[in-house]
C-alpha atoms as a PDB file:
ATOM      1  CA  MET A   1      32.567 -93.590  60.742  1.00  0.00           C
ATOM      2  CA  LYS A   2      33.792 -95.937  57.949  1.00  0.00           C
ATOM      3  CA  LYS A   3      33.020 -94.740  54.503  1.00  0.00           C
ATOM      4  CA  TYR A   4      34.018 -97.848  52.537  1.00  0.00           C
ATOM      5  CA  ILE A   5      33.365-101.602  52.919  1.00  0.00           C
ATOM      6  CA  THR A   6      35.853-103.994  51.168  1.00  0.00           C
ATOM      7  CA  LEU A   7      34.736-106.310  48.607  1.00  0.00           C
ATOM      8  CA  ARG A   8      35.613-109.241  50.812  1.00  0.00           C
ATOM      9  CA  GLU A   9      33.332-107.900  53.676  1.00  0.00           C
ATOM     10  CA  PHE A  10      30.577-107.238  51.181  1.00  0.00           C
ATOM     11  CA  ALA A  11      31.011-110.695  49.566  1.00  0.00           C
ATOM     12  CA  ASP A  12      30.974-112.347  53.024  1.00  0.00           C
ATOM     13  CA  PHE A  13      27.928-110.525  54.183  1.00  0.00           C
ATOM     14  CA  TYR A  14      25.819-111.365  51.226  1.00  0.00           C
ATOM     15  CA  ASP A  15      27.352-114.745  50.683  1.00  0.00           C
ATOM     16  CA  ILE A  16      28.450-114.185  47.122  1.00  0.00           C
ATOM     17  CA  SER A  17      31.825-114.329  45.480  1.00  0.00           C
ATOM     18  CA  VAL A  18      34.124-111.336  44.996  1.00  0.00           C
ATOM     19  CA  THR A  19      34.399-112.324  41.309  1.00  0.00           C
ATOM     20  CA  LEU A  20      30.602-111.778  40.880  1.00  0.00           C
ATOM     21  CA  ILE A  21      30.798-108.415  42.607  1.00  0.00           C
ATOM     22  CA  ARG A  22      33.729-107.342  40.231  1.00  0.00           C
ATOM     23  CA  GLU A  23      31.486-108.594  37.255  1.00  0.00           C
ATOM     24  CA  PHE A  24      28.704-106.329  38.346  1.00  0.00           C
ATOM     25  CA  ALA A  25      31.129-103.344  38.730  1.00  0.00           C
ATOM     26  CA  ASP A  26      32.875-104.041  35.458  1.00  0.00           C
ATOM     27  CA  PHE A  27      29.403-104.034  33.819  1.00  0.00           C
ATOM     28  CA  GLY A  28      28.967-100.572  35.253  1.00  0.00           C
ATOM     29  CA  LEU A  29      26.229-101.307  37.892  1.00  0.00           C
ATOM     30  CA  PHE A  30      28.332 -99.687  40.706  1.00  0.00           C
ATOM     31  CA  GLU A  31      31.902 -98.535  41.132  1.00  0.00           C
ATOM     32  CA  ILE A  32      34.821-100.177  42.985  1.00  0.00           C
ATOM     33  CA  ARG A  33      37.523 -97.906  44.496  1.00  0.00           C
ATOM     34  CA  MET A  34      40.880 -98.962  45.678  1.00  0.00           C
ATOM     35  CA  ILE A  35      41.414 -97.791  49.320  1.00  0.00           C
ATOM     36  CA  GLN A  36      44.683 -98.764  50.930  1.00  0.00           C
ATOM     37  CA  ASN A  37      45.311-101.112  48.167  1.00  0.00           C
ATOM     38  CA  LYS A  38      41.959-102.905  48.775  1.00  0.00           C
ATOM     39  CA  PRO A  39      38.937-103.004  46.416  1.00  0.00           C
ATOM     40  CA  CYS A  40      36.023-101.275  48.217  1.00  0.00           C
ATOM     41  CA  VAL A  41      32.540 -99.943  47.607  1.00  0.00           C
ATOM     42  CA  HIS A  42      31.678 -96.555  49.140  1.00  0.00           C
ATOM     43  CA  ILE A  43      28.744 -96.582  51.581  1.00  0.00           C
ATOM     44  CA  ASP A  44      26.858 -94.106  49.432  1.00  0.00           C
ATOM     45  CA  GLU A  45      26.580 -96.889  46.795  1.00  0.00           C
ATOM     46  CA  MET A  46      25.549 -99.699  49.248  1.00  0.00           C
ATOM     47  CA  GLU A  47      21.888 -99.360  48.595  1.00  0.00           C
ATOM     48  CA  ARG A  48      22.395 -99.708  44.832  1.00  0.00           C
ATOM     49  CA  CYS A  49      24.743-102.693  45.509  1.00  0.00           C
ATOM     50  CA  GLU A  50      22.167-104.350  47.650  1.00  0.00           C
ATOM     51  CA  ARG A  51      19.482-103.977  45.017  1.00  0.00           C
ATOM     52  CA  VAL A  52      21.842-105.513  42.399  1.00  0.00           C
ATOM     53  CA  ILE A  53      22.463-108.415  44.640  1.00  0.00           C
ATOM     54  CA  ARG A  54      18.693-108.862  45.475  1.00  0.00           C
ATOM     55  CA  LEU A  55      17.660-108.656  41.932  1.00  0.00           C
ATOM     56  CA  TYR A  56      20.408-111.286  40.961  1.00  0.00           C
ATOM     57  CA  GLN A  57      19.925-113.635  43.970  1.00  0.00           C
ATOM     58  CA  GLU A  58      16.199-113.480  44.621  1.00  0.00           C
ATOM     59  CA  LEU A  59      14.820-112.985  41.107  1.00  0.00           C
ATOM     60  CA  GLY A  60      17.475-114.270  38.938  1.00  0.00           C
ATOM     61  CA  VAL A  61      17.763-111.167  36.827  1.00  0.00           C
ATOM     62  CA  ASN A  62      20.889-110.938  34.545  1.00  0.00           C
ATOM     63  CA  LYS A  63      23.171-107.953  34.437  1.00  0.00           C
ATOM     64  CA  GLU A  64      21.510-106.419  31.461  1.00  0.00           C
ATOM     65  CA  GLY A  65      18.092-106.749  33.251  1.00  0.00           C
ATOM     66  CA  ILE A  66      19.398-105.277  36.438  1.00  0.00           C
ATOM     67  CA  GLU A  67      20.805-102.244  34.504  1.00  0.00           C
ATOM     68  CA  ILE A  68      17.405-101.689  32.906  1.00  0.00           C
ATOM     69  CA  ILE A  69      15.485-101.963  36.175  1.00  0.00           C
ATOM     70  CA  LEU A  70      17.905 -99.577  37.980  1.00  0.00           C
ATOM     71  CA  ASP A  71      17.698 -97.031  35.219  1.00  0.00           C
ATOM     72  CA  LEU A  72      13.899 -97.335  35.269  1.00  0.00           C
ATOM     73  CA  ARG A  73      13.886 -97.005  39.052  1.00  0.00           C
ATOM     74  CA  GLN A  74      16.150 -93.864  38.846  1.00  0.00           C
ATOM     75  CA  ARG A  75      13.939 -92.395  36.154  1.00  0.00           C
ATOM     76  CA  ILE A  76      10.745 -93.012  38.343  1.00  0.00           C
ATOM     77  CA  GLU A  77      12.438 -91.211  41.314  1.00  0.00           C
ATOM     78  CA  GLU A  78      13.240 -88.274  39.113  1.00  0.00           C
ATOM     79  CA  LEU A  79       9.744 -88.042  37.643  1.00  0.00           C
ATOM     80  CA  GLN A  80       8.268 -88.252  41.192  1.00  0.00           C
ATOM     81  CA  LYS A  81      10.375 -85.390  42.288  1.00  0.00           C
ATOM     82  CA  GLU A  82       9.252 -83.465  39.311  1.00  0.00           C
ATOM     83  CA  VAL A  83       5.617 -84.192  40.113  1.00  0.00           C
ATOM     84  CA  THR A  84       6.201 -82.934  43.640  1.00  0.00           C
ATOM     85  CA  ARG A  85       7.931 -79.826  42.390  1.00  0.00           C
ATOM     86  CA  MET A  86       5.016 -79.030  39.894  1.00  0.00           C
ATOM     87  CA  LYS A  87       2.415 -79.715  42.656  1.00  0.00           C
ATOM     88  CA  HIS A  88       4.219 -77.168  44.841  1.00  0.00           C
ATOM     89  CA  LEU A  89       4.303 -74.662  42.005  1.00  0.00           C
ATOM     90  CA  LEU A  90       0.668 -75.134  41.235  1.00  0.00           C
ATOM     91  CA  SER A  91      -0.181 -74.728  44.930  1.00  0.00           C
ATOM     92  CA  LYS A  92       1.674 -71.465  45.017  1.00  0.00           C
ATOM     93  CA  HIS A  93      -0.025 -70.365  41.881  1.00  0.00           C
ATOM     94  CA  GLU A  94      -3.504 -71.177  43.122  1.00  0.00           C
ATOM     95  CA  VAL A  95      -2.820 -69.157  46.258  1.00  0.00           C
ATOM     96  CA  ARG A  96      -1.762 -66.050  44.188  1.00  0.00           C
ATOM     97  CA  MET A  97      -4.793 -66.447  41.924  1.00  0.00           C
ATOM     98  CA  THR A  98      -7.137 -66.792  44.953  1.00  0.00           C
ATOM     99  CA  ASN A  99      -5.596 -63.629  46.419  1.00  0.00           C
ATOM    100  CA  LEU A 100      -6.003 -61.761  43.208  1.00  0.00           C
ATOM    101  CA  PHE A 101      -9.553 -62.942  42.359  1.00  0.00           C
ATOM    102  CA  PRO A 102     -11.166 -63.827  45.708  1.00  0.00           C
ATOM    103  CA  GLY A 103     -14.280 -65.949  45.375  1.00  0.00           C
ATOM    104  CA  GLU A 104     -14.141 -66.313  41.631  1.00  0.00           C
ATOM    105  CA  PHE A 105     -12.331 -69.831  41.614  1.00  0.00           C
ATOM    106  CA  PHE A 106     -13.452 -73.078  42.820  1.00  0.00           C
ATOM    107  CA  ASP A 107     -11.927 -76.640  42.998  1.00  0.00           C
ATOM    108  CA  ILE A 108     -12.757 -78.926  40.151  1.00  0.00           C
ATOM    109  CA  GLU A 109     -11.932 -82.679  40.844  1.00  0.00           C
END
């Protein structure tokens, strides 16, 4: 399986210039790596790259705005994982408490 896509392939697929992709990378929105003397993007970063392009092309968001949006999205994902983890811990705690004190607790919603 191919792990990288060249900037040229990426640019052709999304109908944008290689220069624009380099500008996004230089700004720090994603990383370009040299593979066999060709600038490439790793497939693990493709989803992020696609978001950058969509925000730019479809919504007209500038690089600074894209950076803020991506940072907020990442923070939201982290918070969602934390909420899931906390719910799991709470559920385990509720089970322990119910086993220790059967019949003394009830759900409050």
